[in-house]
Amino acid sequence: MSSAGPILRLTDVRKEFGGVHAVRGVDLEVAYGERRALLGPNGAGKTTLFNAIAGDFAVTSGTIELFDEDVTYLPKRARTRLGMTRTYQISRLFAGLTVLDNLYLASLGVGSGHFSVLRRKKRDTALNDHARAVAERVGLTPVLDALVGTLSHGEQRQLEVGMALAGRPQLLLLDEPAAGLSPAERVALTELLLRLEPEITLIIIEHDMDIALRVAERVTMMHDGSVVVEGTPAEIRANELVHDLYLGRSHGE
């Protein structure tokens, strides 16, 4: 795939639900290998924009280009095959399977399609080793054989990030990955994101500003469905509009 243009380009993207304008004419470009934070108060349109990028639903109007291709009308599975993975605010894990099973399925990718792969007597050794390596990477080796339904909320969030990474993405979309994590788990998550391979492009929605502004190289601030500010983490911290809308004066003092 070419890296001449941005890995993601949105042009005048809009999404309406009845009379509600959830996303209002968003223009956005994210470069290959960039770390971008998408911030804003609740109801700003961040997750709706993620859903549009991922193909969870169609945009009302506008254009989405991914990996130099127009994917505006491509289904979600096709976008995933191009090299994009994402997490969700609400867990989408296989609670009746083990941590290793979940990571193995994620390692297989979107082409497998069936649980029959888990019932084979012999798994693919390379994929199984990859799943174990990802578990270690996200701190889940001690619970590798545990059923996902028995994990703590924080461990499930870690697993979601692990499953996204197991798919070997070029573009990784994380929707509030620190939600429900303990302070120690938040530190581990931050370190994990800082260690991401440079070829992985990251876009993160995160309410923990310490994580978001430490990880990101550039920040896009949304309010009421629109982009209102873009800049570096330092510029965002110093921006009065950002303080008024989201951070509060005490964060920057």
C-alpha atoms as a PDB file:
ATOM      1  CA  MET A   1       0.000   0.000   0.000  1.00  0.00           C
ATOM      2  CA  SER A   2       1.165   3.490  -0.809  1.00  0.00           C
ATOM      3  CA  SER A   3       2.142   5.859   1.989  1.00  0.00           C
ATOM      4  CA  ALA A   4       2.247   8.941  -0.232  1.00  0.00           C
ATOM      5  CA  GLY A   5      -0.958  10.323   1.229  1.00  0.00           C
ATOM      6  CA  PRO A   6      -2.433  10.113   4.729  1.00  0.00           C
ATOM      7  CA  ILE A   7      -3.483   6.726   6.052  1.00  0.00           C
ATOM      8  CA  LEU A   8      -6.903   8.219   6.797  1.00  0.00           C
ATOM      9  CA  ARG A   9      -8.647  11.173   5.173  1.00  0.00           C
ATOM     10  CA  LEU A  10     -12.168  12.349   5.991  1.00  0.00           C
ATOM     11  CA  THR A  11     -13.789  14.975   3.803  1.00  0.00           C
ATOM     12  CA  ASP A  12     -16.962  16.742   4.989  1.00  0.00           C
ATOM     13  CA  VAL A  13     -18.166  13.622   6.838  1.00  0.00           C
ATOM     14  CA  ARG A  14     -21.653  13.940   8.282  1.00  0.00           C
ATOM     15  CA  LYS A  15     -23.848  11.523  10.201  1.00  0.00           C
ATOM     16  CA  GLU A  16     -27.453  12.179  11.110  1.00  0.00           C
ATOM     17  CA  PHE A  17     -29.829  10.066  13.171  1.00  0.00           C
ATOM     18  CA  GLY A  18     -33.254  11.395  12.296  1.00  0.00           C
ATOM     19  CA  GLY A  19     -33.012  15.068  13.144  1.00  0.00           C
ATOM     20  CA  VAL A  20     -29.894  14.672  15.299  1.00  0.00           C
ATOM     21  CA  HIS A  21     -26.647  15.847  13.683  1.00  0.00           C
ATOM     22  CA  ALA A  22     -24.120  13.598  15.449  1.00  0.00           C
ATOM     23  CA  VAL A  23     -21.202  14.464  13.135  1.00  0.00           C
ATOM     24  CA  ARG A  24     -21.176  17.790  11.313  1.00  0.00           C
ATOM     25  CA  GLY A  25     -18.904  18.141   8.297  1.00  0.00           C
ATOM     26  CA  VAL A  26     -15.689  16.717   9.769  1.00  0.00           C
ATOM     27  CA  ASP A  27     -12.448  17.047   7.783  1.00  0.00           C
ATOM     28  CA  LEU A  28      -9.567  15.013   9.184  1.00  0.00           C
ATOM     29  CA  GLU A  29      -6.206  13.713   7.986  1.00  0.00           C
ATOM     30  CA  VAL A  30      -4.003  11.264   9.892  1.00  0.00           C
ATOM     31  CA  ALA A  31      -0.515  10.451   8.617  1.00  0.00           C
ATOM     32  CA  TYR A  32       1.061   6.999   8.468  1.00  0.00           C
ATOM     33  CA  GLY A  33       2.551   6.081  11.858  1.00  0.00           C
ATOM     34  CA  GLU A  34       0.957   9.049  13.623  1.00  0.00           C
ATOM     35  CA  ARG A  35      -0.399   8.929  17.188  1.00  0.00           C
ATOM     36  CA  ARG A  36      -3.645  10.922  17.216  1.00  0.00           C
ATOM     37  CA  ALA A  37      -5.982  11.539  20.156  1.00  0.00           C
ATOM     38  CA  LEU A  38      -9.636  12.342  19.471  1.00  0.00           C
ATOM     39  CA  LEU A  39     -10.994  14.228  22.463  1.00  0.00           C
ATOM     40  CA  GLY A  40     -14.139  16.003  23.541  1.00  0.00           C
ATOM     41  CA  PRO A  41     -16.920  15.983  26.128  1.00  0.00           C
ATOM     42  CA  ASN A  42     -19.624  13.323  26.180  1.00  0.00           C
ATOM     43  CA  GLY A  43     -21.878  13.697  23.159  1.00  0.00           C
ATOM     44  CA  ALA A  44     -19.204  15.412  21.060  1.00  0.00           C
ATOM     45  CA  GLY A  45     -19.509  12.799  18.304  1.00  0.00           C
ATOM     46  CA  LYS A  46     -16.213  10.957  18.848  1.00  0.00           C
ATOM     47  CA  THR A  47     -17.543   7.398  18.934  1.00  0.00           C
ATOM     48  CA  THR A  48     -19.975   8.121  16.117  1.00  0.00           C
ATOM     49  CA  LEU A  49     -17.026   9.252  14.030  1.00  0.00           C
ATOM     50  CA  PHE A  50     -15.130   6.063  14.962  1.00  0.00           C
ATOM     51  CA  ASN A  51     -18.129   3.993  13.904  1.00  0.00           C
ATOM     52  CA  ALA A  52     -18.218   5.767  10.563  1.00  0.00           C
ATOM     53  CA  ILE A  53     -14.487   5.224   9.981  1.00  0.00           C
ATOM     54  CA  ALA A  54     -14.752   1.542  10.908  1.00  0.00           C
ATOM     55  CA  GLY A  55     -17.836   0.958   8.774  1.00  0.00           C
ATOM     56  CA  ASP A  56     -20.197   0.086  11.620  1.00  0.00           C
ATOM     57  CA  PHE A  57     -22.708   2.281   9.834  1.00  0.00           C
ATOM     58  CA  ALA A  58     -22.834   4.389   6.696  1.00  0.00           C
ATOM     59  CA  VAL A  59     -22.214   8.121   6.730  1.00  0.00           C
ATOM     60  CA  THR A  60     -25.021  10.450   5.718  1.00  0.00           C
ATOM     61  CA  SER A  61     -22.631  12.282   3.373  1.00  0.00           C
ATOM     62  CA  GLY A  62     -18.958  12.912   2.834  1.00  0.00           C
ATOM     63  CA  THR A  63     -15.974  10.760   1.899  1.00  0.00           C
ATOM     64  CA  ILE A  64     -13.755   8.360   3.852  1.00  0.00           C
ATOM     65  CA  GLU A  65     -10.396   7.348   2.383  1.00  0.00           C
ATOM     66  CA  LEU A  66      -8.390   4.608   4.069  1.00  0.00           C
ATOM     67  CA  PHE A  67      -4.964   3.431   2.887  1.00  0.00           C
ATOM     68  CA  ASP A  68      -5.337   5.656  -0.195  1.00  0.00           C
ATOM     69  CA  GLU A  69      -8.639   3.979  -1.125  1.00  0.00           C
ATOM     70  CA  ASP A  70     -12.157   5.393  -1.071  1.00  0.00           C
ATOM     71  CA  VAL A  71     -13.911   3.139   1.466  1.00  0.00           C
ATOM     72  CA  THR A  72     -17.001   5.300   2.006  1.00  0.00           C
ATOM     73  CA  TYR A  73     -19.306   2.506   0.830  1.00  0.00           C
ATOM     74  CA  LEU A  74     -17.156  -0.499   1.756  1.00  0.00           C
ATOM     75  CA  PRO A  75     -18.503  -2.797   4.514  1.00  0.00           C
ATOM     76  CA  LYS A  76     -16.724  -3.118   7.834  1.00  0.00           C
ATOM     77  CA  ARG A  77     -15.161  -6.508   7.044  1.00  0.00           C
ATOM     78  CA  ALA A  78     -13.568  -5.136   3.886  1.00  0.00           C
ATOM     79  CA  ARG A  79     -12.038  -2.237   5.813  1.00  0.00           C
ATOM     80  CA  THR A  80     -10.675  -4.643   8.408  1.00  0.00           C
ATOM     81  CA  ARG A  81      -9.036  -6.693   5.687  1.00  0.00           C
ATOM     82  CA  LEU A  82      -7.203  -3.567   4.543  1.00  0.00           C
ATOM     83  CA  GLY A  83      -5.450  -3.404   7.916  1.00  0.00           C
ATOM     84  CA  MET A  84      -7.706  -1.582  10.405  1.00  0.00           C
ATOM     85  CA  THR A  85      -8.755  -2.901  13.817  1.00  0.00           C
ATOM     86  CA  ARG A  86     -10.694  -1.229  16.609  1.00  0.00           C
ATOM     87  CA  THR A  87     -12.065  -1.618  20.124  1.00  0.00           C
ATOM     88  CA  TYR A  88     -15.444  -0.550  21.483  1.00  0.00           C
ATOM     89  CA  GLN A  89     -16.707   1.173  24.620  1.00  0.00           C
ATOM     90  CA  ILE A  90     -18.749  -1.959  25.414  1.00  0.00           C
ATOM     91  CA  SER A  91     -16.821  -5.230  25.537  1.00  0.00           C
ATOM     92  CA  ARG A  92     -17.210  -7.520  22.526  1.00  0.00           C
ATOM     93  CA  LEU A  93     -15.411 -10.584  23.824  1.00  0.00           C
ATOM     94  CA  PHE A  94     -16.225 -14.309  23.784  1.00  0.00           C
ATOM     95  CA  ALA A  95     -17.004 -14.739  27.485  1.00  0.00           C
ATOM     96  CA  GLY A  96     -17.314 -18.543  27.298  1.00  0.00           C
ATOM     97  CA  LEU A  97     -13.846 -18.995  25.812  1.00  0.00           C
ATOM     98  CA  THR A  98     -10.430 -18.598  27.379  1.00  0.00           C
ATOM     99  CA  VAL A  99      -8.139 -15.609  27.013  1.00  0.00           C
ATOM    100  CA  LEU A 100      -5.912 -17.687  24.738  1.00  0.00           C
ATOM    101  CA  ASP A 101      -8.900 -18.727  22.601  1.00  0.00           C
ATOM    102  CA  ASN A 102      -9.937 -15.095  22.149  1.00  0.00           C
ATOM    103  CA  LEU A 103      -6.447 -14.029  21.152  1.00  0.00           C
ATOM    104  CA  TYR A 104      -6.067 -17.012  18.831  1.00  0.00           C
ATOM    105  CA  LEU A 105      -9.291 -16.115  17.029  1.00  0.00           C
ATOM    106  CA  ALA A 106      -8.128 -12.516  16.706  1.00  0.00           C
ATOM    107  CA  SER A 107      -4.798 -13.758  15.326  1.00  0.00           C
ATOM    108  CA  LEU A 108      -6.624 -15.762  12.664  1.00  0.00           C
ATOM    109  CA  GLY A 109      -8.183 -12.567  11.368  1.00  0.00           C
ATOM    110  CA  VAL A 110     -11.460 -11.882   9.624  1.00  0.00           C
ATOM    111  CA  GLY A 111     -10.993 -14.645   7.061  1.00  0.00           C
ATOM    112  CA  SER A 112     -11.521 -17.594   9.423  1.00  0.00           C
ATOM    113  CA  GLY A 113     -15.174 -17.062  10.232  1.00  0.00           C
ATOM    114  CA  HIS A 114     -15.842 -20.205  12.285  1.00  0.00           C
ATOM    115  CA  PHE A 115     -15.372 -21.506  15.814  1.00  0.00           C
ATOM    116  CA  SER A 116     -14.439 -24.881  14.322  1.00  0.00           C
ATOM    117  CA  VAL A 117     -10.804 -23.736  14.366  1.00  0.00           C
ATOM    118  CA  LEU A 118     -10.884 -24.017  18.172  1.00  0.00           C
ATOM    119  CA  ARG A 119     -12.061 -27.629  18.030  1.00  0.00           C
ATOM    120  CA  ARG A 120      -9.202 -28.861  15.897  1.00  0.00           C
ATOM    121  CA  LYS A 121      -6.800 -31.186  17.685  1.00  0.00           C
ATOM    122  CA  LYS A 122      -3.831 -29.226  16.415  1.00  0.00           C
ATOM    123  CA  ARG A 123      -3.810 -25.460  16.122  1.00  0.00           C
ATOM    124  CA  ASP A 124      -1.516 -23.439  13.930  1.00  0.00           C
ATOM    125  CA  THR A 125       1.649 -23.281  16.045  1.00  0.00           C
ATOM    126  CA  ALA A 126       2.762 -19.879  14.763  1.00  0.00           C
ATOM    127  CA  LEU A 127      -0.645 -18.312  15.468  1.00  0.00           C
ATOM    128  CA  ASN A 128      -0.801 -19.914  18.893  1.00  0.00           C
ATOM    129  CA  ASP A 129       2.651 -18.545  19.727  1.00  0.00           C
ATOM    130  CA  HIS A 130       1.581 -15.136  18.427  1.00  0.00           C
ATOM    131  CA  ALA A 131      -1.503 -15.201  20.688  1.00  0.00           C
ATOM    132  CA  ARG A 132       0.671 -16.040  23.702  1.00  0.00           C
ATOM    133  CA  ALA A 133       3.109 -13.262  22.839  1.00  0.00           C
ATOM    134  CA  VAL A 134       0.262 -10.742  22.641  1.00  0.00           C
ATOM    135  CA  ALA A 135      -1.052 -11.933  26.016  1.00  0.00           C
ATOM    136  CA  GLU A 136       2.344 -11.250  27.548  1.00  0.00           C
ATOM    137  CA  ARG A 137       2.470  -7.875  25.832  1.00  0.00           C
ATOM    138  CA  VAL A 138      -0.795  -6.742  27.444  1.00  0.00           C
ATOM    139  CA  GLY A 139      -0.108  -8.337  30.824  1.00  0.00           C
ATOM    140  CA  LEU A 140      -2.515 -11.277  30.616  1.00  0.00           C
ATOM    141  CA  THR A 141      -0.152 -14.257  30.743  1.00  0.00           C
ATOM    142  CA  PRO A 142      -1.195 -15.150  34.342  1.00  0.00           C
ATOM    143  CA  VAL A 143      -4.838 -15.574  33.203  1.00  0.00           C
ATOM    144  CA  LEU A 144      -4.164 -17.092  29.789  1.00  0.00           C
ATOM    145  CA  ASP A 145      -6.299 -20.191  30.454  1.00  0.00           C
ATOM    146  CA  ALA A 146      -9.050 -18.409  32.370  1.00  0.00           C
ATOM    147  CA  LEU A 147     -12.521 -18.020  30.909  1.00  0.00           C
ATOM    148  CA  VAL A 148     -13.052 -14.431  29.822  1.00  0.00           C
ATOM    149  CA  GLY A 149     -16.306 -14.253  31.777  1.00  0.00           C
ATOM    150  CA  THR A 150     -14.328 -14.662  35.011  1.00  0.00           C
ATOM    151  CA  LEU A 151     -11.939 -11.769  34.340  1.00  0.00           C
ATOM    152  CA  SER A 152     -12.156  -8.418  36.048  1.00  0.00           C
ATOM    153  CA  HIS A 153     -13.416  -5.475  34.024  1.00  0.00           C
ATOM    154  CA  GLY A 154      -9.888  -4.114  33.787  1.00  0.00           C
ATOM    155  CA  GLU A 155      -8.543  -7.428  32.496  1.00  0.00           C
ATOM    156  CA  GLN A 156     -11.278  -7.540  29.874  1.00  0.00           C
ATOM    157  CA  ARG A 157     -10.253  -4.086  28.674  1.00  0.00           C
ATOM    158  CA  GLN A 158      -6.667  -5.296  28.428  1.00  0.00           C
ATOM    159  CA  LEU A 159      -7.854  -8.282  26.403  1.00  0.00           C
ATOM    160  CA  GLU A 160      -9.733  -6.019  23.996  1.00  0.00           C
ATOM    161  CA  VAL A 161      -6.544  -4.108  23.275  1.00  0.00           C
ATOM    162  CA  GLY A 162      -4.704  -7.399  22.899  1.00  0.00           C
ATOM    163  CA  MET A 163      -7.238  -8.732  20.398  1.00  0.00           C
ATOM    164  CA  ALA A 164      -6.944  -5.549  18.363  1.00  0.00           C
ATOM    165  CA  LEU A 165      -3.154  -5.924  18.327  1.00  0.00           C
ATOM    166  CA  ALA A 166      -3.348  -9.638  17.532  1.00  0.00           C
ATOM    167  CA  GLY A 167      -4.768  -8.773  14.115  1.00  0.00           C
ATOM    168  CA  ARG A 168      -1.456  -7.061  13.226  1.00  0.00           C
ATOM    169  CA  PRO A 169      -3.133  -3.763  12.298  1.00  0.00           C
ATOM    170  CA  GLN A 170      -1.702  -0.894  10.329  1.00  0.00           C
ATOM    171  CA  LEU A 171      -4.387   1.405  11.759  1.00  0.00           C
ATOM    172  CA  LEU A 172      -5.504   0.857  15.356  1.00  0.00           C
ATOM    173  CA  LEU A 173      -8.600   2.617  16.704  1.00  0.00           C
ATOM    174  CA  LEU A 174      -8.997   2.467  20.488  1.00  0.00           C
ATOM    175  CA  ASP A 175     -12.242   3.708  22.037  1.00  0.00           C
ATOM    176  CA  GLU A 176     -11.624   4.556  25.714  1.00  0.00           C
ATOM    177  CA  PRO A 177      -9.185   1.684  26.390  1.00  0.00           C
ATOM    178  CA  ALA A 178      -8.459   2.892  29.949  1.00  0.00           C
ATOM    179  CA  ALA A 179     -12.097   2.757  31.069  1.00  0.00           C
ATOM    180  CA  GLY A 180     -12.342   0.678  34.240  1.00  0.00           C
ATOM    181  CA  LEU A 181      -8.590   0.184  34.635  1.00  0.00           C
ATOM    182  CA  SER A 182      -6.856   0.569  37.966  1.00  0.00           C
ATOM    183  CA  PRO A 183      -4.095   3.190  38.321  1.00  0.00           C
ATOM    184  CA  ALA A 184      -1.441   0.487  37.878  1.00  0.00           C
ATOM    185  CA  GLU A 185      -3.225  -0.892  34.804  1.00  0.00           C
ATOM    186  CA  ARG A 186      -3.420   2.622  33.356  1.00  0.00           C
ATOM    187  CA  VAL A 187       0.324   3.008  33.699  1.00  0.00           C
ATOM    188  CA  ALA A 188       0.834  -0.359  31.988  1.00  0.00           C
ATOM    189  CA  LEU A 189      -1.536   0.638  29.175  1.00  0.00           C
ATOM    190  CA  THR A 190       0.301   3.919  28.630  1.00  0.00           C
ATOM    191  CA  GLU A 191       3.634   2.133  28.420  1.00  0.00           C
ATOM    192  CA  LEU A 192       2.138  -0.394  25.990  1.00  0.00           C
ATOM    193  CA  LEU A 193       0.879   2.351  23.686  1.00  0.00           C
ATOM    194  CA  LEU A 194       4.204   4.168  23.847  1.00  0.00           C
ATOM    195  CA  ARG A 195       5.942   0.944  22.769  1.00  0.00           C
ATOM    196  CA  LEU A 196       3.763   0.386  19.700  1.00  0.00           C
ATOM    197  CA  GLU A 197       5.717  -0.297  16.535  1.00  0.00           C
ATOM    198  CA  PRO A 198       6.272   2.933  14.571  1.00  0.00           C
ATOM    199  CA  GLU A 199       4.450   1.504  11.546  1.00  0.00           C
ATOM    200  CA  ILE A 200       1.206   1.176  13.526  1.00  0.00           C
ATOM    201  CA  THR A 201      -0.952   4.291  13.265  1.00  0.00           C
ATOM    202  CA  LEU A 202      -2.965   4.932  16.433  1.00  0.00           C
ATOM    203  CA  ILE A 203      -6.149   6.941  16.898  1.00  0.00           C
ATOM    204  CA  ILE A 204      -7.403   6.939  20.475  1.00  0.00           C
ATOM    205  CA  ILE A 205     -10.521   8.240  22.205  1.00  0.00           C
ATOM    206  CA  GLU A 206      -9.705   8.588  25.886  1.00  0.00           C
ATOM    207  CA  HIS A 207     -11.163  10.502  28.833  1.00  0.00           C
ATOM    208  CA  ASP A 208      -7.990  10.038  30.852  1.00  0.00           C
ATOM    209  CA  MET A 209      -6.167  13.144  29.679  1.00  0.00           C
ATOM    210  CA  ASP A 210      -2.857  12.077  31.203  1.00  0.00           C
ATOM    211  CA  ILE A 211      -2.859   9.003  28.946  1.00  0.00           C
ATOM    212  CA  ALA A 212      -4.190  10.756  25.859  1.00  0.00           C
ATOM    213  CA  LEU A 213      -1.845  13.728  25.941  1.00  0.00           C
ATOM    214  CA  ARG A 214       1.194  11.620  26.783  1.00  0.00           C
ATOM    215  CA  VAL A 215       0.612   9.120  23.988  1.00  0.00           C
ATOM    216  CA  ALA A 216      -0.564  11.474  21.240  1.00  0.00           C
ATOM    217  CA  GLU A 217       1.598  13.497  18.885  1.00  0.00           C
ATOM    218  CA  ARG A 218      -1.405  15.454  17.665  1.00  0.00           C
ATOM    219  CA  VAL A 219      -4.867  16.057  19.122  1.00  0.00           C
ATOM    220  CA  THR A 220      -8.235  16.672  17.485  1.00  0.00           C
ATOM    221  CA  MET A 221     -10.842  18.215  19.768  1.00  0.00           C
ATOM    222  CA  MET A 222     -14.542  17.745  18.960  1.00  0.00           C
ATOM    223  CA  HIS A 223     -17.612  19.498  20.307  1.00  0.00           C
ATOM    224  CA  ASP A 224     -21.237  19.114  19.219  1.00  0.00           C
ATOM    225  CA  GLY A 225     -20.252  16.917  16.260  1.00  0.00           C
ATOM    226  CA  SER A 226     -17.631  19.281  14.845  1.00  0.00           C
ATOM    227  CA  VAL A 227     -13.859  19.628  15.046  1.00  0.00           C
ATOM    228  CA  VAL A 228     -13.157  22.805  17.001  1.00  0.00           C
ATOM    229  CA  VAL A 229      -9.407  22.616  17.717  1.00  0.00           C
ATOM    230  CA  GLU A 230      -6.392  20.686  16.440  1.00  0.00           C
ATOM    231  CA  GLY A 231      -2.834  20.871  17.704  1.00  0.00           C
ATOM    232  CA  THR A 232      -0.026  19.295  19.664  1.00  0.00           C
ATOM    233  CA  PRO A 233      -0.623  18.127  23.240  1.00  0.00           C
ATOM    234  CA  ALA A 234       1.125  21.279  24.513  1.00  0.00           C
ATOM    235  CA  GLU A 235      -1.099  23.494  22.358  1.00  0.00           C
ATOM    236  CA  ILE A 236      -4.202  21.654  23.550  1.00  0.00           C
ATOM    237  CA  ARG A 237      -3.223  22.068  27.198  1.00  0.00           C
ATOM    238  CA  ALA A 238      -2.760  25.800  26.660  1.00  0.00           C
ATOM    239  CA  ASN A 239      -5.909  26.354  24.596  1.00  0.00           C
ATOM    240  CA  GLU A 240      -8.576  28.324  26.464  1.00  0.00           C
ATOM    241  CA  LEU A 241     -11.447  26.870  24.427  1.00  0.00           C
ATOM    242  CA  VAL A 242     -10.351  23.351  25.340  1.00  0.00           C
ATOM    243  CA  HIS A 243     -10.274  24.286  29.008  1.00  0.00           C
ATOM    244  CA  ASP A 244     -13.727  25.813  28.792  1.00  0.00           C
ATOM    245  CA  LEU A 245     -15.252  22.845  26.950  1.00  0.00           C
ATOM    246  CA  TYR A 246     -13.522  19.914  28.543  1.00  0.00           C
ATOM    247  CA  LEU A 247     -10.450  20.081  30.752  1.00  0.00           C
ATOM    248  CA  GLY A 248     -11.297  22.688  33.338  1.00  0.00           C
ATOM    249  CA  ARG A 249      -8.843  25.343  34.391  1.00  0.00           C
ATOM    250  CA  SER A 250      -7.214  23.241  37.110  1.00  0.00           C
ATOM    251  CA  HIS A 251      -5.757  20.738  34.609  1.00  0.00           C
ATOM    252  CA  GLY A 252      -3.451  23.294  33.070  1.00  0.00           C
ATOM    253  CA  GLU A 253      -2.444  25.138  36.259  1.00  0.00           C
END
